[in-house]
Structure formats: C-alpha cells, structure tokens
Amino acid sequence: GVSESTVVRFAIELGFDGYPEMQRSLQELIRMRLTAVQRVD
C-alpha cells in the first residue's frame, strides 16, 4: 500500500544504489534458505 517511489527510496535508505541492487542482495541471501516448497511457490 505504498508508491513505487517509496519502495525505491526505502532501498536507497538502506544504502543500496537502487531497488534492483537490494533485490539481488536479498535473492543471494535467501536462496540457500528456501525450502523446496517455497521454491515452487
């Protein structure tokens, strides 16, 4: 329930260059933690 720009600013607030960088970082962090069921979803 927020704007796309708010999401982008949130990523920058965390220290990333933008949302794509935060997204890639999150993907790398969680891939080893996802269960087989979560992967299907």
PDB file of all heavy atoms in Angstrom:
ATOM      1  N   GLY A   1       0.772  -1.227   0.000  1.00  0.00           N
ATOM      2  CA  GLY A   1       0.000   0.000   0.000  1.00  0.00           C
ATOM      3  C   GLY A   1       0.808   1.284   0.000  1.00  0.00           C
ATOM      4  O   GLY A   1       0.402   2.281   0.613  1.00  0.00           O
ATOM      5  N   VAL A   2       1.966   1.279  -0.698  1.00  0.00           N
ATOM      6  CA  VAL A   2       2.763   2.497  -0.837  1.00  0.00           C
ATOM      7  C   VAL A   2       3.109   2.666  -2.309  1.00  0.00           C
ATOM      8  O   VAL A   2       2.877   1.774  -3.122  1.00  0.00           O
ATOM      9  CB  VAL A   2       4.068   2.427   0.004  1.00  0.00           C
ATOM     10  CG1 VAL A   2       3.750   2.244   1.482  1.00  0.00           C
ATOM     11  CG2 VAL A   2       4.979   1.316  -0.497  1.00  0.00           C
ATOM     12  N   SER A   3       3.657   3.812  -2.657  1.00  0.00           N
ATOM     13  CA  SER A   3       4.017   4.071  -4.051  1.00  0.00           C
ATOM     14  C   SER A   3       5.308   3.352  -4.419  1.00  0.00           C
ATOM     15  O   SER A   3       6.104   2.972  -3.549  1.00  0.00           O
ATOM     16  CB  SER A   3       4.191   5.567  -4.283  1.00  0.00           C
ATOM     17  OG  SER A   3       5.317   6.053  -3.560  1.00  0.00           O
ATOM     18  N   GLU A   4       5.531   3.176  -5.719  1.00  0.00           N
ATOM     19  CA  GLU A   4       6.764   2.556  -6.200  1.00  0.00           C
ATOM     20  C   GLU A   4       7.975   3.388  -5.794  1.00  0.00           C
ATOM     21  O   GLU A   4       9.018   2.847  -5.429  1.00  0.00           O
ATOM     22  CB  GLU A   4       6.712   2.414  -7.723  1.00  0.00           C
ATOM     23  CG  GLU A   4       7.954   1.772  -8.324  1.00  0.00           C
ATOM     24  CD  GLU A   4       7.865   1.622  -9.840  1.00  0.00           C
ATOM     25  OE1 GLU A   4       6.774   1.885 -10.397  1.00  0.00           O
ATOM     26  OE2 GLU A   4       8.879   1.271 -10.471  1.00  0.00           O
ATOM     27  N   SER A   5       7.838   4.700  -5.830  1.00  0.00           N
ATOM     28  CA  SER A   5       8.955   5.578  -5.459  1.00  0.00           C
ATOM     29  C   SER A   5       9.327   5.409  -3.987  1.00  0.00           C
ATOM     30  O   SER A   5      10.501   5.529  -3.618  1.00  0.00           O
ATOM     31  CB  SER A   5       8.609   7.037  -5.753  1.00  0.00           C
ATOM     32  OG  SER A   5       7.461   7.447  -5.024  1.00  0.00           O
ATOM     33  N   THR A   6       8.336   5.120  -3.140  1.00  0.00           N
ATOM     34  CA  THR A   6       8.615   4.882  -1.720  1.00  0.00           C
ATOM     35  C   THR A   6       9.447   3.620  -1.547  1.00  0.00           C
ATOM     36  O   THR A   6      10.365   3.564  -0.717  1.00  0.00           O
ATOM     37  CB  THR A   6       7.307   4.754  -0.918  1.00  0.00           C
ATOM     38  OG1 THR A   6       6.564   5.955  -1.046  1.00  0.00           O
ATOM     39  CG2 THR A   6       7.590   4.497   0.560  1.00  0.00           C
ATOM     40  N   VAL A   7       9.150   2.603  -2.336  1.00  0.00           N
ATOM     41  CA  VAL A   7       9.915   1.364  -2.284  1.00  0.00           C
ATOM     42  C   VAL A   7      11.360   1.613  -2.724  1.00  0.00           C
ATOM     43  O   VAL A   7      12.306   1.128  -2.100  1.00  0.00           O
ATOM     44  CB  VAL A   7       9.274   0.275  -3.173  1.00  0.00           C
ATOM     45  CG1 VAL A   7      10.136  -0.984  -3.183  1.00  0.00           C
ATOM     46  CG2 VAL A   7       7.865  -0.051  -2.692  1.00  0.00           C
ATOM     47  N   VAL A   8      11.539   2.398  -3.785  1.00  0.00           N
ATOM     48  CA  VAL A   8      12.875   2.715  -4.283  1.00  0.00           C
ATOM     49  C   VAL A   8      13.656   3.503  -3.236  1.00  0.00           C
ATOM     50  O   VAL A   8      14.838   3.232  -2.975  1.00  0.00           O
ATOM     51  CB  VAL A   8      12.791   3.506  -5.605  1.00  0.00           C
ATOM     52  CG1 VAL A   8      14.185   3.966  -6.035  1.00  0.00           C
ATOM     53  CG2 VAL A   8      12.154   2.653  -6.701  1.00  0.00           C
ATOM     54  N   ARG A   9      12.992   4.490  -2.614  1.00  0.00           N
ATOM     55  CA  ARG A   9      13.663   5.289  -1.576  1.00  0.00           C
ATOM     56  C   ARG A   9      14.027   4.424  -0.373  1.00  0.00           C
ATOM     57  O   ARG A   9      15.043   4.669   0.285  1.00  0.00           O
ATOM     58  CB  ARG A   9      12.763   6.451  -1.146  1.00  0.00           C
ATOM     59  CG  ARG A   9      12.671   7.576  -2.181  1.00  0.00           C
ATOM     60  CD  ARG A   9      12.127   8.854  -1.556  1.00  0.00           C
ATOM     61  NE  ARG A   9      10.766   8.664  -1.048  1.00  0.00           N
ATOM     62  CZ  ARG A   9       9.661   8.830  -1.764  1.00  0.00           C
ATOM     63  NH1 ARG A   9       9.761   9.188  -3.035  1.00  0.00           N
ATOM     64  NH2 ARG A   9       8.476   8.656  -1.233  1.00  0.00           N
ATOM     65  N   PHE A  10      13.208   3.441  -0.082  1.00  0.00           N
ATOM     66  CA  PHE A  10      13.496   2.522   1.022  1.00  0.00           C
ATOM     67  C   PHE A  10      14.812   1.782   0.765  1.00  0.00           C
ATOM     68  O   PHE A  10      15.648   1.645   1.669  1.00  0.00           O
ATOM     69  CB  PHE A  10      12.348   1.524   1.178  1.00  0.00           C
ATOM     70  CG  PHE A  10      12.611   0.439   2.189  1.00  0.00           C
ATOM     71  CD1 PHE A  10      12.518   0.698   3.546  1.00  0.00           C
ATOM     72  CD2 PHE A  10      12.958  -0.844   1.775  1.00  0.00           C
ATOM     73  CE1 PHE A  10      12.761  -0.309   4.485  1.00  0.00           C
ATOM     74  CE2 PHE A  10      13.202  -1.847   2.701  1.00  0.00           C
ATOM     75  CZ  PHE A  10      13.099  -1.586   4.056  1.00  0.00           C
ATOM     76  N   ALA A  11      15.012   1.315  -0.470  1.00  0.00           N
ATOM     77  CA  ALA A  11      16.248   0.624  -0.815  1.00  0.00           C
ATOM     78  C   ALA A  11      17.452   1.550  -0.669  1.00  0.00           C
ATOM     79  O   ALA A  11      18.501   1.156  -0.153  1.00  0.00           O
ATOM     80  CB  ALA A  11      16.162   0.078  -2.240  1.00  0.00           C
ATOM     81  N   ILE A  12      17.287   2.788  -1.114  1.00  0.00           N
ATOM     82  CA  ILE A  12      18.377   3.769  -1.007  1.00  0.00           C
ATOM     83  C   ILE A  12      18.669   4.094   0.453  1.00  0.00           C
ATOM     84  O   ILE A  12      19.830   4.260   0.851  1.00  0.00           O
ATOM     85  CB  ILE A  12      18.016   5.043  -1.795  1.00  0.00           C
ATOM     86  CG1 ILE A  12      17.919   4.713  -3.300  1.00  0.00           C
ATOM     87  CG2 ILE A  12      19.038   6.143  -1.543  1.00  0.00           C
ATOM     88  CD1 ILE A  12      17.404   5.847  -4.146  1.00  0.00           C
ATOM     89  N   GLU A  13      17.617   4.144   1.259  1.00  0.00           N
ATOM     90  CA  GLU A  13      17.760   4.404   2.696  1.00  0.00           C
ATOM     91  C   GLU A  13      18.620   3.320   3.354  1.00  0.00           C
ATOM     92  O   GLU A  13      19.382   3.599   4.292  1.00  0.00           O
ATOM     93  CB  GLU A  13      16.376   4.436   3.353  1.00  0.00           C
ATOM     94  CG  GLU A  13      16.379   4.655   4.856  1.00  0.00           C
ATOM     95  CD  GLU A  13      16.593   6.110   5.259  1.00  0.00           C
ATOM     96  OE1 GLU A  13      16.491   6.983   4.387  1.00  0.00           O
ATOM     97  OE2 GLU A  13      16.879   6.350   6.446  1.00  0.00           O
ATOM     98  N   LEU A  14      18.540   2.109   2.838  1.00  0.00           N
ATOM     99  CA  LEU A  14      19.326   1.003   3.390  1.00  0.00           C
ATOM    100  C   LEU A  14      20.783   1.029   2.921  1.00  0.00           C
ATOM    101  O   LEU A  14      21.601   0.267   3.413  1.00  0.00           O
ATOM    102  CB  LEU A  14      18.701  -0.337   2.989  1.00  0.00           C
ATOM    103  CG  LEU A  14      17.394  -0.719   3.680  1.00  0.00           C
ATOM    104  CD1 LEU A  14      16.862  -2.034   3.104  1.00  0.00           C
ATOM    105  CD2 LEU A  14      17.577  -0.852   5.186  1.00  0.00           C
ATOM    106  N   GLY A  15      21.087   1.907   1.947  1.00  0.00           N
ATOM    107  CA  GLY A  15      22.455   2.024   1.475  1.00  0.00           C
ATOM    108  C   GLY A  15      22.716   1.449   0.099  1.00  0.00           C
ATOM    109  O   GLY A  15      23.862   1.416  -0.356  1.00  0.00           O
ATOM    110  N   PHE A  16      21.653   0.991  -0.573  1.00  0.00           N
ATOM    111  CA  PHE A  16      21.804   0.451  -1.921  1.00  0.00           C
ATOM    112  C   PHE A  16      21.693   1.565  -2.959  1.00  0.00           C
ATOM    113  O   PHE A  16      21.124   2.616  -2.687  1.00  0.00           O
ATOM    114  CB  PHE A  16      20.740  -0.616  -2.187  1.00  0.00           C
ATOM    115  CG  PHE A  16      20.854  -1.824  -1.303  1.00  0.00           C
ATOM    116  CD1 PHE A  16      20.031  -1.988  -0.202  1.00  0.00           C
ATOM    117  CD2 PHE A  16      21.810  -2.799  -1.559  1.00  0.00           C
ATOM    118  CE1 PHE A  16      20.139  -3.093   0.616  1.00  0.00           C
ATOM    119  CE2 PHE A  16      21.931  -3.916  -0.753  1.00  0.00           C
ATOM    120  CZ  PHE A  16      21.091  -4.064   0.346  1.00  0.00           C
ATOM    121  N   ASP A  17      22.235   1.313  -4.151  1.00  0.00           N
ATOM    122  CA  ASP A  17      22.136   2.300  -5.234  1.00  0.00           C
ATOM    123  C   ASP A  17      20.705   2.432  -5.740  1.00  0.00           C
ATOM    124  O   ASP A  17      20.332   3.453  -6.298  1.00  0.00           O
ATOM    125  CB  ASP A  17      23.049   1.905  -6.403  1.00  0.00           C
ATOM    126  CG  ASP A  17      24.522   2.036  -6.037  1.00  0.00           C
ATOM    127  OD1 ASP A  17      24.826   2.807  -5.111  1.00  0.00           O
ATOM    128  OD2 ASP A  17      25.355   1.371  -6.674  1.00  0.00           O
ATOM    129  N   GLY A  18      19.941   1.387  -5.557  1.00  0.00           N
ATOM    130  CA  GLY A  18      18.556   1.402  -6.008  1.00  0.00           C
ATOM    131  C   GLY A  18      17.876   0.103  -5.648  1.00  0.00           C
ATOM    132  O   GLY A  18      18.477  -0.785  -5.022  1.00  0.00           O
ATOM    133  N   TYR A  19      16.635  -0.054  -6.069  1.00  0.00           N
ATOM    134  CA  TYR A  19      15.878  -1.251  -5.719  1.00  0.00           C
ATOM    135  C   TYR A  19      16.470  -2.527  -6.326  1.00  0.00           C
ATOM    136  O   TYR A  19      16.551  -3.553  -5.636  1.00  0.00           O
ATOM    137  CB  TYR A  19      14.421  -1.092  -6.147  1.00  0.00           C
ATOM    138  CG  TYR A  19      13.562  -2.277  -5.797  1.00  0.00           C
ATOM    139  CD1 TYR A  19      13.124  -2.480  -4.489  1.00  0.00           C
ATOM    140  CD2 TYR A  19      13.214  -3.222  -6.765  1.00  0.00           C
ATOM    141  CE1 TYR A  19      12.365  -3.582  -4.149  1.00  0.00           C
ATOM    142  CE2 TYR A  19      12.444  -4.323  -6.436  1.00  0.00           C
ATOM    143  CZ  TYR A  19      12.019  -4.500  -5.129  1.00  0.00           C
ATOM    144  OH  TYR A  19      11.259  -5.598  -4.802  1.00  0.00           O
ATOM    145  N   PRO A  20      16.909  -2.528  -7.604  1.00  0.00           N
ATOM    146  CA  PRO A  20      17.471  -3.755  -8.174  1.00  0.00           C
ATOM    147  C   PRO A  20      18.645  -4.313  -7.380  1.00  0.00           C
ATOM    148  O   PRO A  20      18.778  -5.524  -7.224  1.00  0.00           O
ATOM    149  CB  PRO A  20      17.895  -3.323  -9.580  1.00  0.00           C
ATOM    150  CG  PRO A  20      16.978  -2.188  -9.914  1.00  0.00           C
ATOM    151  CD  PRO A  20      16.815  -1.451  -8.615  1.00  0.00           C
ATOM    152  N   GLU A  21      19.510  -3.423  -6.864  1.00  0.00           N
ATOM    153  CA  GLU A  21      20.655  -3.895  -6.089  1.00  0.00           C
ATOM    154  C   GLU A  21      20.195  -4.535  -4.782  1.00  0.00           C
ATOM    155  O   GLU A  21      20.715  -5.575  -4.359  1.00  0.00           O
ATOM    156  CB  GLU A  21      21.624  -2.744  -5.799  1.00  0.00           C
ATOM    157  CG  GLU A  21      22.901  -3.223  -5.109  1.00  0.00           C
ATOM    158  CD  GLU A  21      23.846  -2.085  -4.737  1.00  0.00           C
ATOM    159  OE1 GLU A  21      23.458  -0.916  -4.917  1.00  0.00           O
ATOM    160  OE2 GLU A  21      24.943  -2.392  -4.251  1.00  0.00           O
ATOM    161  N   MET A  22      19.206  -3.918  -4.124  1.00  0.00           N
ATOM    162  CA  MET A  22      18.668  -4.504  -2.894  1.00  0.00           C
ATOM    163  C   MET A  22      18.032  -5.863  -3.185  1.00  0.00           C
ATOM    164  O   MET A  22      18.194  -6.822  -2.432  1.00  0.00           O
ATOM    165  CB  MET A  22      17.634  -3.576  -2.265  1.00  0.00           C
ATOM    166  CG  MET A  22      17.110  -4.098  -0.917  1.00  0.00           C
ATOM    167  SD  MET A  22      15.713  -3.159  -0.249  1.00  0.00           S
ATOM    168  CE  MET A  22      14.365  -3.882  -1.222  1.00  0.00           C
ATOM    169  N   GLN A  23      17.311  -5.940  -4.300  1.00  0.00           N
ATOM    170  CA  GLN A  23      16.641  -7.175  -4.680  1.00  0.00           C
ATOM    171  C   GLN A  23      17.653  -8.294  -4.922  1.00  0.00           C
ATOM    172  O   GLN A  23      17.473  -9.415  -4.440  1.00  0.00           O
ATOM    173  CB  GLN A  23      15.803  -6.930  -5.940  1.00  0.00           C
ATOM    174  CG  GLN A  23      14.920  -8.093  -6.344  1.00  0.00           C
ATOM    175  CD  GLN A  23      14.150  -7.786  -7.613  1.00  0.00           C
ATOM    176  OE1 GLN A  23      14.688  -7.192  -8.549  1.00  0.00           O
ATOM    177  NE2 GLN A  23      12.891  -8.206  -7.657  1.00  0.00           N
ATOM    178  N   ARG A  24      18.734  -7.992  -5.651  1.00  0.00           N
ATOM    179  CA  ARG A  24      19.769  -9.007  -5.915  1.00  0.00           C
ATOM    180  C   ARG A  24      20.421  -9.463  -4.618  1.00  0.00           C
ATOM    181  O   ARG A  24      20.697 -10.654  -4.431  1.00  0.00           O
ATOM    182  CB  ARG A  24      20.820  -8.453  -6.873  1.00  0.00           C
ATOM    183  CG  ARG A  24      20.357  -8.343  -8.320  1.00  0.00           C
ATOM    184  CD  ARG A  24      21.524  -8.091  -9.246  1.00  0.00           C
ATOM    185  NE  ARG A  24      22.165  -6.815  -8.972  1.00  0.00           N
ATOM    186  CZ  ARG A  24      21.810  -5.669  -9.559  1.00  0.00           C
ATOM    187  NH1 ARG A  24      20.828  -5.645 -10.445  1.00  0.00           N
ATOM    188  NH2 ARG A  24      22.452  -4.549  -9.267  1.00  0.00           N
ATOM    189  N   SER A  25      20.678  -8.512  -3.725  1.00  0.00           N
ATOM    190  CA  SER A  25      21.295  -8.850  -2.449  1.00  0.00           C
ATOM    191  C   SER A  25      20.392  -9.761  -1.630  1.00  0.00           C
ATOM    192  O   SER A  25      20.843 -10.739  -1.019  1.00  0.00           O
ATOM    193  CB  SER A  25      21.595  -7.563  -1.662  1.00  0.00           C
ATOM    194  OG  SER A  25      22.193  -7.869  -0.418  1.00  0.00           O
ATOM    195  N   LEU A  26      19.105  -9.467  -1.631  1.00  0.00           N
ATOM    196  CA  LEU A  26      18.137 -10.285  -0.897  1.00  0.00           C
ATOM    197  C   LEU A  26      18.017 -11.675  -1.510  1.00  0.00           C
ATOM    198  O   LEU A  26      17.940 -12.681  -0.798  1.00  0.00           O
ATOM    199  CB  LEU A  26      16.773  -9.585  -0.888  1.00  0.00           C
ATOM    200  CG  LEU A  26      15.668 -10.230  -0.044  1.00  0.00           C
ATOM    201  CD1 LEU A  26      16.100 -10.360   1.404  1.00  0.00           C
ATOM    202  CD2 LEU A  26      14.386  -9.418  -0.135  1.00  0.00           C
ATOM    203  N   GLN A  27      18.050 -11.750  -2.839  1.00  0.00           N
ATOM    204  CA  GLN A  27      17.968 -13.048  -3.515  1.00  0.00           C
ATOM    205  C   GLN A  27      19.160 -13.927  -3.165  1.00  0.00           C
ATOM    206  O   GLN A  27      19.013 -15.127  -2.895  1.00  0.00           O
ATOM    207  CB  GLN A  27      17.889 -12.842  -5.031  1.00  0.00           C
ATOM    208  CG  GLN A  27      16.551 -12.303  -5.506  1.00  0.00           C
ATOM    209  CD  GLN A  27      16.569 -11.915  -6.976  1.00  0.00           C
ATOM    210  OE1 GLN A  27      17.598 -12.036  -7.646  1.00  0.00           O
ATOM    211  NE2 GLN A  27      15.439 -11.450  -7.486  1.00  0.00           N
ATOM    212  N   GLU A  28      20.350 -13.349  -3.168  1.00  0.00           N
ATOM    213  CA  GLU A  28      21.546 -14.118  -2.831  1.00  0.00           C
ATOM    214  C   GLU A  28      21.498 -14.593  -1.384  1.00  0.00           C
ATOM    215  O   GLU A  28      21.924 -15.702  -1.063  1.00  0.00           O
ATOM    216  CB  GLU A  28      22.799 -13.271  -3.060  1.00  0.00           C
ATOM    217  CG  GLU A  28      23.117 -13.033  -4.535  1.00  0.00           C
ATOM    218  CD  GLU A  28      24.426 -12.301  -4.714  1.00  0.00           C
ATOM    219  OE1 GLU A  28      25.088 -12.001  -3.698  1.00  0.00           O
ATOM    220  OE2 GLU A  28      24.796 -12.029  -5.864  1.00  0.00           O
ATOM    221  N   LEU A  29      20.972 -13.743  -0.516  1.00  0.00           N
ATOM    222  CA  LEU A  29      20.926 -14.065   0.907  1.00  0.00           C
ATOM    223  C   LEU A  29      19.990 -15.222   1.200  1.00  0.00           C
ATOM    224  O   LEU A  29      20.288 -16.098   2.010  1.00  0.00           O
ATOM    225  CB  LEU A  29      20.484 -12.828   1.701  1.00  0.00           C
ATOM    226  CG  LEU A  29      20.289 -13.007   3.208  1.00  0.00           C
ATOM    227  CD1 LEU A  29      21.632 -13.278   3.883  1.00  0.00           C
ATOM    228  CD2 LEU A  29      19.635 -11.779   3.821  1.00  0.00           C
ATOM    229  N   ILE A  30      18.842 -15.254   0.526  1.00  0.00           N
ATOM    230  CA  ILE A  30      17.810 -16.221   0.899  1.00  0.00           C
ATOM    231  C   ILE A  30      17.824 -17.512   0.105  1.00  0.00           C
ATOM    232  O   ILE A  30      17.194 -18.485   0.511  1.00  0.00           O
ATOM    233  CB  ILE A  30      16.403 -15.597   0.776  1.00  0.00           C
ATOM    234  CG1 ILE A  30      16.034 -15.369  -0.691  1.00  0.00           C
ATOM    235  CG2 ILE A  30      16.293 -14.328   1.593  1.00  0.00           C
ATOM    236  CD1 ILE A  30      14.598 -14.966  -0.902  1.00  0.00           C
ATOM    237  N   ARG A  31      18.518 -17.552  -1.033  1.00  0.00           N
ATOM    238  CA  ARG A  31      18.407 -18.731  -1.892  1.00  0.00           C
ATOM    239  C   ARG A  31      18.784 -20.020  -1.171  1.00  0.00           C
ATOM    240  O   ARG A  31      18.179 -21.064  -1.372  1.00  0.00           O
ATOM    241  CB  ARG A  31      19.262 -18.576  -3.147  1.00  0.00           C
ATOM    242  CG  ARG A  31      18.623 -17.689  -4.188  1.00  0.00           C
ATOM    243  CD  ARG A  31      19.427 -17.679  -5.464  1.00  0.00           C
ATOM    244  NE  ARG A  31      19.415 -18.991  -6.096  1.00  0.00           N
ATOM    245  CZ  ARG A  31      20.416 -19.464  -6.806  1.00  0.00           C
ATOM    246  NH1 ARG A  31      21.524 -18.769  -6.937  1.00  0.00           N
ATOM    247  NH2 ARG A  31      20.339 -20.646  -7.379  1.00  0.00           N
ATOM    248  N   MET A  32      19.779 -19.960  -0.307  1.00  0.00           N
ATOM    249  CA  MET A  32      20.194 -21.155   0.407  1.00  0.00           C
ATOM    250  C   MET A  32      19.220 -21.508   1.530  1.00  0.00           C
ATOM    251  O   MET A  32      19.294 -22.600   2.093  1.00  0.00           O
ATOM    252  CB  MET A  32      21.608 -20.975   0.964  1.00  0.00           C
ATOM    253  CG  MET A  32      21.734 -19.974   2.098  1.00  0.00           C
ATOM    254  SD  MET A  32      23.444 -19.716   2.623  1.00  0.00           S
ATOM    255  CE  MET A  32      24.100 -18.767   1.262  1.00  0.00           C
ATOM    256  N   ARG A  33      18.303 -20.593   1.850  1.00  0.00           N
ATOM    257  CA  ARG A  33      17.376 -20.843   2.949  1.00  0.00           C
ATOM    258  C   ARG A  33      16.010 -21.333   2.477  1.00  0.00           C
ATOM    259  O   ARG A  33      15.231 -21.837   3.272  1.00  0.00           O
ATOM    260  CB  ARG A  33      17.170 -19.554   3.765  1.00  0.00           C
ATOM    261  CG  ARG A  33      18.454 -18.991   4.348  1.00  0.00           C
ATOM    262  CD  ARG A  33      18.169 -17.760   5.181  1.00  0.00           C
ATOM    263  NE  ARG A  33      19.386 -17.145   5.679  1.00  0.00           N
ATOM    264  CZ  ARG A  33      19.405 -16.074   6.469  1.00  0.00           C
ATOM    265  NH1 ARG A  33      18.272 -15.507   6.831  1.00  0.00           N
ATOM    266  NH2 ARG A  33      20.555 -15.575   6.878  1.00  0.00           N
ATOM    267  N   LEU A  34      15.714 -21.157   1.196  1.00  0.00           N
ATOM    268  CA  LEU A  34      14.392 -21.531   0.713  1.00  0.00           C
ATOM    269  C   LEU A  34      14.208 -23.042   0.703  1.00  0.00           C
ATOM    270  O   LEU A  34      15.072 -23.777   0.245  1.00  0.00           O
ATOM    271  CB  LEU A  34      14.169 -20.997  -0.707  1.00  0.00           C
ATOM    272  CG  LEU A  34      14.084 -19.480  -0.877  1.00  0.00           C
ATOM    273  CD1 LEU A  34      13.817 -19.148  -2.335  1.00  0.00           C
ATOM    274  CD2 LEU A  34      13.002 -18.893   0.000  1.00  0.00           C
ATOM    275  N   THR A  35      13.062 -23.489   1.200  1.00  0.00           N
ATOM    276  CA  THR A  35      12.730 -24.904   1.121  1.00  0.00           C
ATOM    277  C   THR A  35      12.239 -25.226  -0.278  1.00  0.00           C
ATOM    278  O   THR A  35      11.931 -24.326  -1.070  1.00  0.00           O
ATOM    279  CB  THR A  35      11.628 -25.268   2.129  1.00  0.00           C
ATOM    280  OG1 THR A  35      10.415 -24.583   1.761  1.00  0.00           O
ATOM    281  CG2 THR A  35      12.025 -24.865   3.548  1.00  0.00           C
ATOM    282  N   ALA A  36      12.125 -26.519  -0.588  1.00  0.00           N
ATOM    283  CA  ALA A  36      11.637 -26.935  -1.913  1.00  0.00           C
ATOM    284  C   ALA A  36      10.228 -26.412  -2.150  1.00  0.00           C
ATOM    285  O   ALA A  36       9.886 -25.979  -3.256  1.00  0.00           O
ATOM    286  CB  ALA A  36      11.678 -28.457  -2.024  1.00  0.00           C
ATOM    287  N   VAL A  37       9.401 -26.415  -1.108  1.00  0.00           N
ATOM    288  CA  VAL A  37       8.017 -25.929  -1.243  1.00  0.00           C
ATOM    289  C   VAL A  37       7.999 -24.437  -1.536  1.00  0.00           C
ATOM    290  O   VAL A  37       7.242 -23.961  -2.398  1.00  0.00           O
ATOM    291  CB  VAL A  37       7.214 -26.244   0.040  1.00  0.00           C
ATOM    292  CG1 VAL A  37       5.825 -25.606  -0.037  1.00  0.00           C
ATOM    293  CG2 VAL A  37       7.082 -27.748   0.235  1.00  0.00           C
ATOM    294  N   GLN A  38       8.840 -23.664  -0.840  1.00  0.00           N
ATOM    295  CA  GLN A  38       8.916 -22.223  -1.080  1.00  0.00           C
ATOM    296  C   GLN A  38       9.390 -21.931  -2.496  1.00  0.00           C
ATOM    297  O   GLN A  38       8.921 -20.992  -3.139  1.00  0.00           O
ATOM    298  CB  GLN A  38       9.858 -21.567  -0.066  1.00  0.00           C
ATOM    299  CG  GLN A  38       9.292 -21.473   1.342  1.00  0.00           C
ATOM    300  CD  GLN A  38      10.304 -20.939   2.336  1.00  0.00           C
ATOM    301  OE1 GLN A  38      11.470 -21.339   2.331  1.00  0.00           O
ATOM    302  NE2 GLN A  38       9.879 -20.028   3.186  1.00  0.00           N
ATOM    303  N   ARG A  39      10.312 -22.745  -3.001  1.00  0.00           N
ATOM    304  CA  ARG A  39      10.817 -22.552  -4.360  1.00  0.00           C
ATOM    305  C   ARG A  39       9.696 -22.725  -5.386  1.00  0.00           C
ATOM    306  O   ARG A  39       9.619 -21.984  -6.363  1.00  0.00           O
ATOM    307  CB  ARG A  39      11.942 -23.558  -4.653  1.00  0.00           C
ATOM    308  CG  ARG A  39      13.270 -23.179  -4.010  1.00  0.00           C
ATOM    309  CD  ARG A  39      14.260 -24.337  -4.083  1.00  0.00           C
ATOM    310  NE  ARG A  39      15.581 -23.883  -3.651  1.00  0.00           N
ATOM    311  CZ  ARG A  39      16.621 -23.772  -4.455  1.00  0.00           C
ATOM    312  NH1 ARG A  39      16.507 -24.068  -5.728  1.00  0.00           N
ATOM    313  NH2 ARG A  39      17.777 -23.354  -4.001  1.00  0.00           N
ATOM    314  N   VAL A  40       8.844 -23.715  -5.185  1.00  0.00           N
ATOM    315  CA  VAL A  40       7.722 -23.932  -6.097  1.00  0.00           C
ATOM    316  C   VAL A  40       6.809 -22.715  -6.103  1.00  0.00           C
ATOM    317  O   VAL A  40       6.391 -22.233  -7.162  1.00  0.00           O
ATOM    318  CB  VAL A  40       6.936 -25.200  -5.704  1.00  0.00           C
ATOM    319  CG1 VAL A  40       5.641 -25.295  -6.512  1.00  0.00           C
ATOM    320  CG2 VAL A  40       7.784 -26.445  -5.933  1.00  0.00           C
ATOM    321  N   ASP A  41       6.502 -22.197  -4.917  1.00  0.00           N
ATOM    322  CA  ASP A  41       5.615 -21.030  -4.813  1.00  0.00           C
ATOM    323  C   ASP A  41       6.220 -19.813  -5.505  1.00  0.00           C
ATOM    324  O   ASP A  41       5.527 -19.084  -6.226  1.00  0.00           O
ATOM    325  CB  ASP A  41       5.335 -20.705  -3.344  1.00  0.00           C
ATOM    326  CG  ASP A  41       4.471 -21.770  -2.667  1.00  0.00           C
ATOM    327  OD1 ASP A  41       3.782 -22.511  -3.404  1.00  0.00           O
ATOM    328  OD2 ASP A  41       4.501 -21.856  -1.433  1.00  0.00           O
TER     329      ASP A  41
END
